[in-house]
PDB file of N, CA and C in Angstrom:
ATOM      1  N   MET A   1      15.216 -31.531   9.723  1.00  0.00           N
ATOM      2  CA  MET A   1      14.317 -30.559   9.076  1.00  0.00           C
ATOM      3  C   MET A   1      14.544 -29.182   9.743  1.00  0.00           C
ATOM      4  N   PRO A   2      14.846 -28.073   9.033  1.00  0.00           N
ATOM      5  CA  PRO A   2      14.934 -26.794   9.553  1.00  0.00           C
ATOM      6  C   PRO A   2      13.718 -26.250  10.287  1.00  0.00           C
ATOM      7  N   SER A   3      13.753 -25.509  11.428  1.00  0.00           N
ATOM      8  CA  SER A   3      12.716 -25.077  12.170  1.00  0.00           C
ATOM      9  C   SER A   3      12.150 -23.802  11.365  1.00  0.00           C
ATOM     10  N   SER A   4      10.921 -23.511  11.535  1.00  0.00           N
ATOM     11  CA  SER A   4      10.268 -22.337  10.911  1.00  0.00           C
ATOM     12  C   SER A   4      10.764 -21.124  11.699  1.00  0.00           C
ATOM     13  N   SER A   5      11.080 -20.019  10.902  1.00  0.00           N
ATOM     14  CA  SER A   5      11.482 -18.718  11.631  1.00  0.00           C
ATOM     15  C   SER A   5      10.429 -17.841  11.915  1.00  0.00           C
ATOM     16  N   THR A   6       9.155 -18.224  11.634  1.00  0.00           N
ATOM     17  CA  THR A   6       8.004 -17.384  11.826  1.00  0.00           C
ATOM     18  C   THR A   6       7.319 -17.602  13.152  1.00  0.00           C
ATOM     19  N   GLY A   7       7.992 -18.291  14.035  1.00  0.00           N
ATOM     20  CA  GLY A   7       7.559 -18.481  15.406  1.00  0.00           C
ATOM     21  C   GLY A   7       6.409 -19.510  15.747  1.00  0.00           C
ATOM     22  N   GLY A   8       6.809 -20.636  15.237  1.00  0.00           N
ATOM     23  CA  GLY A   8       5.768 -21.700  15.572  1.00  0.00           C
ATOM     24  C   GLY A   8       4.902 -21.868  14.429  1.00  0.00           C
ATOM     25  N   GLY A   9       5.121 -21.340  13.327  1.00  0.00           N
ATOM     26  CA  GLY A   9       4.119 -21.567  11.942  1.00  0.00           C
ATOM     27  C   GLY A   9       3.033 -20.561  12.078  1.00  0.00           C
ATOM     28  N   ARG A  10       2.965 -19.659  12.926  1.00  0.00           N
ATOM     29  CA  ARG A  10       1.845 -18.731  13.081  1.00  0.00           C
ATOM     30  C   ARG A  10       1.907 -17.786  11.854  1.00  0.00           C
ATOM     31  N   MET A  11       0.895 -17.366  11.224  1.00  0.00           N
ATOM     32  CA  MET A  11       0.715 -16.449  10.224  1.00  0.00           C
ATOM     33  C   MET A  11       0.877 -15.021  10.772  1.00  0.00           C
ATOM     34  N   GLN A  12       1.491 -14.027  10.075  1.00  0.00           N
ATOM     35  CA  GLN A  12       1.543 -12.704  10.542  1.00  0.00           C
ATOM     36  C   GLN A  12       1.010 -11.811   9.535  1.00  0.00           C
ATOM     37  N   GLY A  13       0.204 -10.832   9.998  1.00  0.00           N
ATOM     38  CA  GLY A  13      -0.316  -9.803   8.977  1.00  0.00           C
ATOM     39  C   GLY A  13       0.643  -8.944   8.317  1.00  0.00           C
ATOM     40  N   PRO A  14       0.321  -8.127   7.426  1.00  0.00           N
ATOM     41  CA  PRO A  14       1.315  -7.299   6.890  1.00  0.00           C
ATOM     42  C   PRO A  14       1.861  -6.255   7.878  1.00  0.00           C
ATOM     43  N   SER A  15       2.949  -5.854   7.655  1.00  0.00           N
ATOM     44  CA  SER A  15       3.583  -4.726   8.520  1.00  0.00           C
ATOM     45  C   SER A  15       2.972  -3.516   8.244  1.00  0.00           C
ATOM     46  N   THR A  16       3.257  -2.442   9.007  1.00  0.00           N
ATOM     47  CA  THR A  16       2.905  -1.113   8.890  1.00  0.00           C
ATOM     48  C   THR A  16       3.360  -0.509   7.534  1.00  0.00           C
ATOM     49  N   PHE A  17       4.719  -0.792   7.274  1.00  0.00           N
ATOM     50  CA  PHE A  17       5.296  -0.318   5.959  1.00  0.00           C
ATOM     51  C   PHE A  17       4.616  -0.926   4.759  1.00  0.00           C
ATOM     52  N   ASP A  18       4.292  -2.254   4.877  1.00  0.00           N
ATOM     53  CA  ASP A  18       3.476  -3.041   3.651  1.00  0.00           C
ATOM     54  C   ASP A  18       2.183  -2.287   3.492  1.00  0.00           C
ATOM     55  N   LYS A  19       1.414  -1.993   4.699  1.00  0.00           N
ATOM     56  CA  LYS A  19       0.232  -1.330   4.528  1.00  0.00           C
ATOM     57  C   LYS A  19       0.277   0.269   3.943  1.00  0.00           C
ATOM     58  N   TRP A  20       1.462   0.882   4.304  1.00  0.00           N
ATOM     59  CA  TRP A  20       1.701   2.138   3.751  1.00  0.00           C
ATOM     60  C   TRP A  20       1.869   2.064   2.079  1.00  0.00           C
ATOM     61  N   LYS A  21       2.703   0.977   1.847  1.00  0.00           N
ATOM     62  CA  LYS A  21       3.011   0.874   0.417  1.00  0.00           C
ATOM     63  C   LYS A  21       1.754   0.571  -0.348  1.00  0.00           C
ATOM     64  N   MET A  22       0.806  -0.258   0.232  1.00  0.00           N
ATOM     65  CA  MET A  22      -0.400  -0.737  -0.399  1.00  0.00           C
ATOM     66  C   MET A  22      -1.302   0.552  -0.507  1.00  0.00           C
ATOM     67  N   GLY A  23      -1.381   1.344   0.408  1.00  0.00           N
ATOM     68  CA  GLY A  23      -2.136   2.489   0.431  1.00  0.00           C
ATOM     69  C   GLY A  23      -1.671   3.570  -0.653  1.00  0.00           C
ATOM     70  N   ALA A  24      -0.262   3.674  -0.697  1.00  0.00           N
ATOM     71  CA  ALA A  24       0.227   4.511  -1.737  1.00  0.00           C
ATOM     72  C   ALA A  24      -0.055   4.002  -3.162  1.00  0.00           C
ATOM     73  N   MET A  25       0.242   2.768  -3.332  1.00  0.00           N
ATOM     74  CA  MET A  25      -0.205   2.202  -4.734  1.00  0.00           C
ATOM     75  C   MET A  25      -1.569   2.264  -5.175  1.00  0.00           C
ATOM     76  N   LEU A  26      -2.494   2.061  -4.188  1.00  0.00           N
ATOM     77  CA  LEU A  26      -3.833   2.107  -4.556  1.00  0.00           C
ATOM     78  C   LEU A  26      -4.290   3.460  -4.801  1.00  0.00           C
ATOM     79  N   GLY A  27      -3.862   4.282  -3.955  1.00  0.00           N
ATOM     80  CA  GLY A  27      -4.216   5.798  -4.099  1.00  0.00           C
ATOM     81  C   GLY A  27      -3.618   6.388  -5.329  1.00  0.00           C
ATOM     82  N   GLY A  28      -2.471   6.032  -5.570  1.00  0.00           N
ATOM     83  CA  GLY A  28      -1.646   6.375  -6.847  1.00  0.00           C
ATOM     84  C   GLY A  28      -2.435   5.947  -8.160  1.00  0.00           C
ATOM     85  N   SER A  29      -2.820   4.734  -8.230  1.00  0.00           N
ATOM     86  CA  SER A  29      -3.574   4.310  -9.377  1.00  0.00           C
ATOM     87  C   SER A  29      -4.884   4.958  -9.497  1.00  0.00           C
ATOM     88  N   VAL A  30      -5.660   5.011  -8.469  1.00  0.00           N
ATOM     89  CA  VAL A  30      -6.912   5.776  -8.386  1.00  0.00           C
ATOM     90  C   VAL A  30      -6.683   7.204  -8.928  1.00  0.00           C
ATOM     91  N   GLY A  31      -5.700   7.817  -8.324  1.00  0.00           N
ATOM     92  CA  GLY A  31      -5.407   9.288  -8.726  1.00  0.00           C
ATOM     93  C   GLY A  31      -4.817   9.413 -10.202  1.00  0.00           C
ATOM     94  N   LEU A  32      -4.223   8.381 -10.762  1.00  0.00           N
ATOM     95  CA  LEU A  32      -3.916   8.340 -12.321  1.00  0.00           C
ATOM     96  C   LEU A  32      -5.185   8.236 -13.053  1.00  0.00           C
ATOM     97  N   ILE A  33      -6.027   7.394 -12.689  1.00  0.00           N
ATOM     98  CA  ILE A  33      -7.189   7.297 -13.442  1.00  0.00           C
ATOM     99  C   ILE A  33      -8.058   8.619 -13.385  1.00  0.00           C
ATOM    100  N   MET A  34      -8.130   9.119 -12.175  1.00  0.00           N
ATOM    101  CA  MET A  34      -8.945  10.406 -12.082  1.00  0.00           C
ATOM    102  C   MET A  34      -8.211  11.481 -12.789  1.00  0.00           C
ATOM    103  N   GLY A  35      -6.943  11.571 -12.843  1.00  0.00           N
ATOM    104  CA  GLY A  35      -6.183  12.527 -13.616  1.00  0.00           C
ATOM    105  C   GLY A  35      -6.452  12.358 -15.002  1.00  0.00           C
ATOM    106  N   PHE A  36      -6.348  11.140 -15.567  1.00  0.00           N
ATOM    107  CA  PHE A  36      -6.725  10.885 -17.016  1.00  0.00           C
ATOM    108  C   PHE A  36      -8.186  11.393 -17.364  1.00  0.00           C
ATOM    109  N   ILE A  37      -9.069  11.116 -16.542  1.00  0.00           N
ATOM    110  CA  ILE A  37     -10.497  11.577 -16.868  1.00  0.00           C
ATOM    111  C   ILE A  37     -10.568  13.055 -16.770  1.00  0.00           C
ATOM    112  N   PHE A  38     -10.138  13.709 -15.761  1.00  0.00           N
ATOM    113  CA  PHE A  38     -10.297  15.077 -15.494  1.00  0.00           C
ATOM    114  C   PHE A  38      -9.375  15.891 -16.607  1.00  0.00           C
ATOM    115  N   GLY A  39      -8.172  15.287 -16.771  1.00  0.00           N
ATOM    116  CA  GLY A  39      -7.218  15.959 -17.702  1.00  0.00           C
ATOM    117  C   GLY A  39      -7.693  15.826 -19.191  1.00  0.00           C
ATOM    118  N   GLY A  40      -8.226  14.778 -19.458  1.00  0.00           N
ATOM    119  CA  GLY A  40      -8.792  14.587 -20.788  1.00  0.00           C
ATOM    120  C   GLY A  40      -9.973  15.431 -21.072  1.00  0.00           C
ATOM    121  N   PHE A  41     -10.853  15.546 -19.992  1.00  0.00           N
ATOM    122  CA  PHE A  41     -12.063  16.441 -20.169  1.00  0.00           C
ATOM    123  C   PHE A  41     -11.591  17.975 -20.266  1.00  0.00           C
ATOM    124  N   ASN A  42     -10.667  18.365 -19.649  1.00  0.00           N
ATOM    125  CA  ASN A  42     -10.134  19.602 -19.803  1.00  0.00           C
ATOM    126  C   ASN A  42      -9.341  19.870 -21.081  1.00  0.00           C
ATOM    127  N   ILE A  43      -8.664  18.996 -21.595  1.00  0.00           N
ATOM    128  CA  ILE A  43      -8.014  19.136 -22.889  1.00  0.00           C
ATOM    129  C   ILE A  43      -8.974  19.255 -23.925  1.00  0.00           C
ATOM    130  N   ILE A  44     -10.005  18.433 -23.827  1.00  0.00           N
ATOM    131  CA  ILE A  44     -11.188  18.572 -24.889  1.00  0.00           C
ATOM    132  C   ILE A  44     -11.878  19.816 -24.784  1.00  0.00           C
ATOM    133  N   ARG A  45     -12.180  20.325 -23.576  1.00  0.00           N
ATOM    134  CA  ARG A  45     -12.921  21.436 -23.275  1.00  0.00           C
ATOM    135  C   ARG A  45     -12.063  22.916 -23.609  1.00  0.00           C
ATOM    136  N   TYR A  46     -10.852  22.964 -23.091  1.00  0.00           N
ATOM    137  CA  TYR A  46      -9.988  24.186 -23.151  1.00  0.00           C
ATOM    138  C   TYR A  46      -8.889  24.107 -24.171  1.00  0.00           C
ATOM    139  N   GLY A  47      -8.682  22.958 -24.607  1.00  0.00           N
ATOM    140  CA  GLY A  47      -7.498  22.735 -25.563  1.00  0.00           C
ATOM    141  C   GLY A  47      -6.200  22.344 -24.674  1.00  0.00           C
ATOM    142  N   ALA A  48      -5.151  22.001 -25.359  1.00  0.00           N
ATOM    143  CA  ALA A  48      -3.944  21.511 -24.806  1.00  0.00           C
ATOM    144  C   ALA A  48      -3.005  22.491 -24.249  1.00  0.00           C
ATOM    145  N   GLY A  49      -3.034  23.759 -24.888  1.00  0.00           N
ATOM    146  CA  GLY A  49      -2.067  24.795 -24.431  1.00  0.00           C
ATOM    147  C   GLY A  49      -0.832  24.553 -25.125  1.00  0.00           C
ATOM    148  N   PRO A  50       0.260  25.322 -24.572  1.00  0.00           N
ATOM    149  CA  PRO A  50       1.502  25.398 -25.449  1.00  0.00           C
ATOM    150  C   PRO A  50       2.172  23.920 -24.995  1.00  0.00           C
ATOM    151  N   ASN A  51       1.928  23.236 -24.120  1.00  0.00           N
ATOM    152  CA  ASN A  51       2.666  22.127 -23.963  1.00  0.00           C
ATOM    153  C   ASN A  51       2.314  20.809 -24.731  1.00  0.00           C
ATOM    154  N   GLY A  52       1.100  20.964 -25.430  1.00  0.00           N
ATOM    155  CA  GLY A  52       0.784  19.758 -26.242  1.00  0.00           C
ATOM    156  C   GLY A  52      -0.220  18.905 -25.383  1.00  0.00           C
ATOM    157  N   PRO A  53      -0.974  18.017 -26.002  1.00  0.00           N
ATOM    158  CA  PRO A  53      -1.922  17.186 -25.244  1.00  0.00           C
ATOM    159  C   PRO A  53      -1.240  16.276 -24.336  1.00  0.00           C
ATOM    160  N   MET A  54      -0.266  15.399 -24.852  1.00  0.00           N
ATOM    161  CA  MET A  54       0.268  14.338 -24.067  1.00  0.00           C
ATOM    162  C   MET A  54       0.969  15.016 -22.765  1.00  0.00           C
ATOM    163  N   ARG A  55       1.764  16.005 -22.888  1.00  0.00           N
ATOM    164  CA  ARG A  55       2.375  16.566 -21.722  1.00  0.00           C
ATOM    165  C   ARG A  55       1.469  17.178 -20.693  1.00  0.00           C
ATOM    166  N   THR A  56       0.394  17.804 -21.156  1.00  0.00           N
ATOM    167  CA  THR A  56      -0.661  18.271 -20.395  1.00  0.00           C
ATOM    168  C   THR A  56      -1.451  17.108 -19.601  1.00  0.00           C
ATOM    169  N   LEU A  57      -1.820  16.088 -20.389  1.00  0.00           N
ATOM    170  CA  LEU A  57      -2.476  14.988 -19.791  1.00  0.00           C
ATOM    171  C   LEU A  57      -1.629  14.417 -18.770  1.00  0.00           C
ATOM    172  N   GLY A  58      -0.262  14.229 -18.948  1.00  0.00           N
ATOM    173  CA  GLY A  58       0.679  13.664 -18.013  1.00  0.00           C
ATOM    174  C   GLY A  58       0.770  14.481 -16.816  1.00  0.00           C
ATOM    175  N   GLN A  59       0.746  15.722 -16.940  1.00  0.00           N
ATOM    176  CA  GLN A  59       0.739  16.689 -15.693  1.00  0.00           C
ATOM    177  C   GLN A  59      -0.502  16.450 -14.908  1.00  0.00           C
ATOM    178  N   TYR A  60      -1.514  16.411 -15.569  1.00  0.00           N
ATOM    179  CA  TYR A  60      -2.880  16.110 -14.687  1.00  0.00           C
ATOM    180  C   TYR A  60      -2.774  14.814 -14.062  1.00  0.00           C
ATOM    181  N   MET A  61      -2.267  13.835 -14.785  1.00  0.00           N
ATOM    182  CA  MET A  61      -2.181  12.428 -14.260  1.00  0.00           C
ATOM    183  C   MET A  61      -1.316  12.234 -13.020  1.00  0.00           C
ATOM    184  N   LEU A  62      -0.060  12.849 -13.267  1.00  0.00           N
ATOM    185  CA  LEU A  62       0.916  12.669 -12.179  1.00  0.00           C
ATOM    186  C   LEU A  62       0.552  13.628 -10.949  1.00  0.00           C
ATOM    187  N   GLY A  63       0.127  14.679 -11.133  1.00  0.00           N
ATOM    188  CA  GLY A  63      -0.290  15.585  -9.945  1.00  0.00           C
ATOM    189  C   GLY A  63      -1.400  14.929  -9.145  1.00  0.00           C
ATOM    190  N   SER A  64      -2.457  14.383  -9.979  1.00  0.00           N
ATOM    191  CA  SER A  64      -3.545  13.850  -9.292  1.00  0.00           C
ATOM    192  C   SER A  64      -3.134  12.495  -8.609  1.00  0.00           C
ATOM    193  N   GLY A  65      -2.199  11.635  -9.271  1.00  0.00           N
ATOM    194  CA  GLY A  65      -1.844  10.427  -8.553  1.00  0.00           C
ATOM    195  C   GLY A  65      -0.897  10.525  -7.463  1.00  0.00           C
ATOM    196  N   ALA A  66      -0.028  11.595  -7.514  1.00  0.00           N
ATOM    197  CA  ALA A  66       0.768  11.817  -6.273  1.00  0.00           C
ATOM    198  C   ALA A  66       0.131  12.273  -5.121  1.00  0.00           C
ATOM    199  N   THR A  67      -0.839  13.306  -5.373  1.00  0.00           N
ATOM    200  CA  THR A  67      -1.629  13.850  -4.269  1.00  0.00           C
ATOM    201  C   THR A  67      -2.479  12.800  -3.710  1.00  0.00           C
ATOM    202  N   PHE A  68      -3.215  12.018  -4.549  1.00  0.00           N
ATOM    203  CA  PHE A  68      -4.201  11.051  -3.910  1.00  0.00           C
ATOM    204  C   PHE A  68      -3.427   9.891  -3.263  1.00  0.00           C
ATOM    205  N   GLY A  69      -2.300   9.565  -3.898  1.00  0.00           N
ATOM    206  CA  GLY A  69      -1.533   8.449  -3.357  1.00  0.00           C
ATOM    207  C   GLY A  69      -0.861   8.840  -1.879  1.00  0.00           C
ATOM    208  N   PHE A  70      -0.463  10.098  -1.761  1.00  0.00           N
ATOM    209  CA  PHE A  70       0.013  10.522  -0.527  1.00  0.00           C
ATOM    210  C   PHE A  70      -0.901  10.536   0.510  1.00  0.00           C
ATOM    211  N   PHE A  71      -2.177  11.169   0.318  1.00  0.00           N
ATOM    212  CA  PHE A  71      -3.172  10.934   1.336  1.00  0.00           C
ATOM    213  C   PHE A  71      -3.612   9.703   1.566  1.00  0.00           C
ATOM    214  N   MET A  72      -3.721   8.796   0.696  1.00  0.00           N
ATOM    215  CA  MET A  72      -4.193   7.485   0.934  1.00  0.00           C
ATOM    216  C   MET A  72      -3.187   6.616   1.748  1.00  0.00           C
ATOM    217  N   SER A  73      -1.896   6.910   1.508  1.00  0.00           N
ATOM    218  CA  SER A  73      -0.936   6.142   2.270  1.00  0.00           C
ATOM    219  C   SER A  73      -0.974   6.663   3.904  1.00  0.00           C
ATOM    220  N   ILE A  74      -1.060   7.978   4.024  1.00  0.00           N
ATOM    221  CA  ILE A  74      -1.141   8.460   5.354  1.00  0.00           C
ATOM    222  C   ILE A  74      -2.483   7.931   6.009  1.00  0.00           C
ATOM    223  N   GLY A  75      -3.543   7.864   5.412  1.00  0.00           N
ATOM    224  CA  GLY A  75      -4.712   7.262   5.876  1.00  0.00           C
ATOM    225  C   GLY A  75      -4.674   5.784   6.166  1.00  0.00           C
ATOM    226  N   SER A  76      -3.888   5.021   5.345  1.00  0.00           N
ATOM    227  CA  SER A  76      -3.818   3.713   5.660  1.00  0.00           C
ATOM    228  C   SER A  76      -2.852   3.401   7.057  1.00  0.00           C
ATOM    229  N   ILE A  77      -1.871   4.258   7.154  1.00  0.00           N
ATOM    230  CA  ILE A  77      -1.077   4.265   8.474  1.00  0.00           C
ATOM    231  C   ILE A  77      -1.899   4.620   9.573  1.00  0.00           C
ATOM    232  N   ILE A  78      -2.675   5.702   9.594  1.00  0.00           N
ATOM    233  CA  ILE A  78      -3.527   6.110  10.622  1.00  0.00           C
ATOM    234  C   ILE A  78      -4.431   5.087  11.006  1.00  0.00           C
ATOM    235  N   ARG A  79      -5.063   4.348   9.991  1.00  0.00           N
ATOM    236  CA  ARG A  79      -6.015   3.301  10.326  1.00  0.00           C
ATOM    237  C   ARG A  79      -5.304   2.175  10.968  1.00  0.00           C
ATOM    238  N   THR A  80      -4.136   1.954  10.790  1.00  0.00           N
ATOM    239  CA  THR A  80      -3.474   0.683  11.395  1.00  0.00           C
ATOM    240  C   THR A  80      -2.804   1.078  12.762  1.00  0.00           C
ATOM    241  N   GLU A  81      -2.794   2.325  13.079  1.00  0.00           N
ATOM    242  CA  GLU A  81      -2.139   2.565  14.437  1.00  0.00           C
ATOM    243  C   GLU A  81      -2.970   2.472  15.622  1.00  0.00           C
ATOM    244  N   GLY A  82      -4.280   1.996  15.565  1.00  0.00           N
ATOM    245  CA  GLY A  82      -5.206   1.769  16.589  1.00  0.00           C
ATOM    246  C   GLY A  82      -5.186   0.385  17.256  1.00  0.00           C
ATOM    247  N   ASN A  83      -3.989  -0.334  17.219  1.00  0.00           N
ATOM    248  CA  ASN A  83      -4.030  -1.487  17.796  1.00  0.00           C
ATOM    249  C   ASN A  83      -3.739  -1.539  19.319  1.00  0.00           C
ATOM    250  N   SER A  84      -3.823  -0.504  19.995  1.00  0.00           N
ATOM    251  CA  SER A  84      -3.419  -0.457  21.427  1.00  0.00           C
ATOM    252  C   SER A  84      -4.532  -1.071  22.166  1.00  0.00           C
ATOM    253  N   PRO A  85      -4.186  -1.845  23.290  1.00  0.00           N
ATOM    254  CA  PRO A  85      -5.378  -2.495  23.990  1.00  0.00           C
ATOM    255  C   PRO A  85      -6.231  -1.297  24.653  1.00  0.00           C
ATOM    256  N   LEU A  86      -5.649  -0.274  25.050  1.00  0.00           N
ATOM    257  CA  LEU A  86      -6.457   0.912  25.739  1.00  0.00           C
ATOM    258  C   LEU A  86      -7.529   1.440  24.615  1.00  0.00           C
ATOM    259  N   ILE A  87      -7.140   1.624  23.449  1.00  0.00           N
ATOM    260  CA  ILE A  87      -8.095   2.135  22.433  1.00  0.00           C
ATOM    261  C   ILE A  87      -9.170   1.053  22.075  1.00  0.00           C
ATOM    262  N   THR A  88      -8.686  -0.173  22.151  1.00  0.00           N
ATOM    263  CA  THR A  88      -9.660  -1.386  21.822  1.00  0.00           C
ATOM    264  C   THR A  88     -10.656  -1.419  22.901  1.00  0.00           C
ATOM    265  N   GLU A  89     -10.312  -1.315  24.185  1.00  0.00           N
ATOM    266  CA  GLU A  89     -11.205  -1.360  25.285  1.00  0.00           C
ATOM    267  C   GLU A  89     -11.998  -0.098  25.331  1.00  0.00           C
ATOM    268  N   ALA A  90     -11.560   1.095  24.987  1.00  0.00           N
ATOM    269  CA  ALA A  90     -12.521   2.228  24.958  1.00  0.00           C
ATOM    270  C   ALA A  90     -13.547   2.107  23.794  1.00  0.00           C
ATOM    271  N   TYR A  91     -13.039   1.639  22.611  1.00  0.00           N
ATOM    272  CA  TYR A  91     -13.967   1.328  21.549  1.00  0.00           C
ATOM    273  C   TYR A  91     -15.154   0.311  22.019  1.00  0.00           C
ATOM    274  N   ALA A  92     -14.638  -0.780  22.599  1.00  0.00           N
ATOM    275  CA  ALA A  92     -15.651  -1.734  23.101  1.00  0.00           C
ATOM    276  C   ALA A  92     -16.691  -1.054  24.199  1.00  0.00           C
ATOM    277  N   ARG A  93     -16.089  -0.284  24.961  1.00  0.00           N
ATOM    278  CA  ARG A  93     -17.000   0.447  26.005  1.00  0.00           C
ATOM    279  C   ARG A  93     -17.969   1.282  25.410  1.00  0.00           C
ATOM    280  N   ALA A  94     -17.555   2.052  24.241  1.00  0.00           N
ATOM    281  CA  ALA A  94     -18.502   2.902  23.671  1.00  0.00           C
ATOM    282  C   ALA A  94     -19.501   2.228  22.866  1.00  0.00           C
ATOM    283  N   ARG A  95     -19.310   0.953  22.480  1.00  0.00           N
ATOM    284  CA  ARG A  95     -20.121   0.197  21.579  1.00  0.00           C
ATOM    285  C   ARG A  95     -21.219  -0.573  22.329  1.00  0.00           C
ATOM    286  N   ARG A  96     -21.028  -0.827  23.549  1.00  0.00           N
ATOM    287  CA  ARG A  96     -21.974  -1.612  24.264  1.00  0.00           C
ATOM    288  C   ARG A  96     -23.235  -0.794  24.625  1.00  0.00           C
ATOM    289  N   PRO A  97     -24.312  -1.452  24.808  1.00  0.00           N
ATOM    290  CA  PRO A  97     -25.589  -0.850  25.245  1.00  0.00           C
ATOM    291  C   PRO A  97     -25.428  -0.087  26.518  1.00  0.00           C
ATOM    292  N   PRO A  98     -26.336   0.940  26.626  1.00  0.00           N
ATOM    293  CA  PRO A  98     -26.249   1.901  27.916  1.00  0.00           C
ATOM    294  C   PRO A  98     -26.781   0.955  29.133  1.00  0.00           C
ATOM    295  N   MET A  99     -26.192   1.217  30.240  1.00  0.00           N
ATOM    296  CA  MET A  99     -26.604   0.516  31.410  1.00  0.00           C
ATOM    297  C   MET A  99     -27.834   1.363  32.059  1.00  0.00           C
ATOM    298  N   VAL A 100     -28.901   0.763  32.211  1.00  0.00           N
ATOM    299  CA  VAL A 100     -30.086   1.455  32.649  1.00  0.00           C
ATOM    300  C   VAL A 100     -30.235   1.123  34.317  1.00  0.00           C
ATOM    301  N   VAL A 101     -30.133   2.106  35.060  1.00  0.00           N
ATOM    302  CA  VAL A 101     -30.060   2.051  36.447  1.00  0.00           C
ATOM    303  C   VAL A 101     -31.554   2.526  36.903  1.00  0.00           C
ATOM    304  N   PRO A 102     -32.221   1.681  37.700  1.00  0.00           N
ATOM    305  CA  PRO A 102     -33.579   2.188  38.190  1.00  0.00           C
ATOM    306  C   PRO A 102     -33.449   3.377  39.079  1.00  0.00           C
ATOM    307  N   ARG A 103     -34.446   4.288  38.966  1.00  0.00           N
ATOM    308  CA  ARG A 103     -34.421   5.439  39.743  1.00  0.00           C
ATOM    309  C   ARG A 103     -34.902   5.232  41.116  1.00  0.00           C
ATOM    310  N   ARG A 104     -34.280   5.632  42.062  1.00  0.00           N
ATOM    311  CA  ARG A 104     -34.784   5.595  43.523  1.00  0.00           C
ATOM    312  C   ARG A 104     -35.584   6.717  43.893  1.00  0.00           C
ATOM    313  N   TYR A 105     -36.711   6.496  43.940  1.00  0.00           N
ATOM    314  CA  TYR A 105     -37.784   7.579  44.140  1.00  0.00           C
ATOM    315  C   TYR A 105     -38.581   7.401  45.314  1.00  0.00           C
ATOM    316  N   THR A 106     -38.621   8.186  46.316  1.00  0.00           N
ATOM    317  CA  THR A 106     -39.552   7.950  47.484  1.00  0.00           C
ATOM    318  C   THR A 106     -40.607   9.005  47.386  1.00  0.00           C
ATOM    319  N   ARG A 107     -41.772   8.553  47.652  1.00  0.00           N
ATOM    320  CA  ARG A 107     -42.878   9.603  47.523  1.00  0.00           C
ATOM    321  C   ARG A 107     -42.946  10.509  48.873  1.00  0.00           C
ATOM    322  N   ARG A 108     -43.040  11.639  48.666  1.00  0.00           N
ATOM    323  CA  ARG A 108     -43.172  12.300  49.858  1.00  0.00           C
ATOM    324  C   ARG A 108     -44.870  12.582  50.191  1.00  0.00           C
ATOM    325  N   PRO A 109     -45.155  12.828  51.340  1.00  0.00           N
ATOM    326  CA  PRO A 109     -46.631  12.838  51.705  1.00  0.00           C
ATOM    327  C   PRO A 109     -47.338  13.815  50.854  1.00  0.00           C
ATOM    328  N   GLU A 110     -46.674  14.909  50.512  1.00  0.00           N
ATOM    329  CA  GLU A 110     -47.436  16.029  49.739  1.00  0.00           C
ATOM    330  C   GLU A 110     -47.628  15.640  48.261  1.00  0.00           C
ATOM    331  N   ASP A 111     -46.813  14.492  47.772  1.00  0.00           N
ATOM    332  CA  ASP A 111     -46.908  14.208  46.365  1.00  0.00           C
ATOM    333  C   ASP A 111     -48.105  13.135  46.228  1.00  0.00           C
ATOM    334  N   THR A 112     -48.762  12.584  47.131  1.00  0.00           N
ATOM    335  CA  THR A 112     -49.563  11.659  47.050  1.00  0.00           C
ATOM    336  C   THR A 112     -50.989  12.237  46.448  1.00  0.00           C
ATOM    337  N   GLY A 113     -51.259  13.459  46.526  1.00  0.00           N
ATOM    338  CA  GLY A 113     -52.490  13.830  46.020  1.00  0.00           C
ATOM    339  C   GLY A 113     -53.638  14.033  47.016  1.00  0.00           C
ATOM    340  N   LYS A 114     -53.412  13.509  48.211  1.00  0.00           N
ATOM    341  CA  LYS A 114     -54.423  13.691  49.248  1.00  0.00           C
ATOM    342  C   LYS A 114     -54.298  14.956  49.854  1.00  0.00           C
ATOM    343  N   GLU A 115     -55.498  15.586  50.172  1.00  0.00           N
ATOM    344  CA  GLU A 115     -55.549  16.791  50.777  1.00  0.00           C
ATOM    345  C   GLU A 115     -56.093  16.697  52.128  1.00  0.00           C
ATOM    346  N   ASP A 116     -55.623  17.216  53.145  1.00  0.00           N
ATOM    347  CA  ASP A 116     -56.067  17.040  54.459  1.00  0.00           C
ATOM    348  C   ASP A 116     -57.080  18.022  54.858  1.00  0.00           C
TER     349      ASP A 116
END
């Protein structure tokens, strides 16, 4: 029976490139939908112009999809880059409750309120 090439049968998560592709596809599809809505509204409101309705709507959709897909892919890469143990430790340190240290206060004789 051939051995598993995944290192003992352990599952691995998606690579950074896979996450980049997923962010680009998700952002592109959301951008296409938003371009369709915004472009359709502008065509209804202001008219299609010299390019015609289909080309104008396509320009809105492609421009919006490319822009949003680009930024979503960058955001997904930035989000996955924080796997450093140093960053994880700093995050855990920032999230723990504050340490309360009792104040060492000694009363001076003039603070007692007694007047001689």
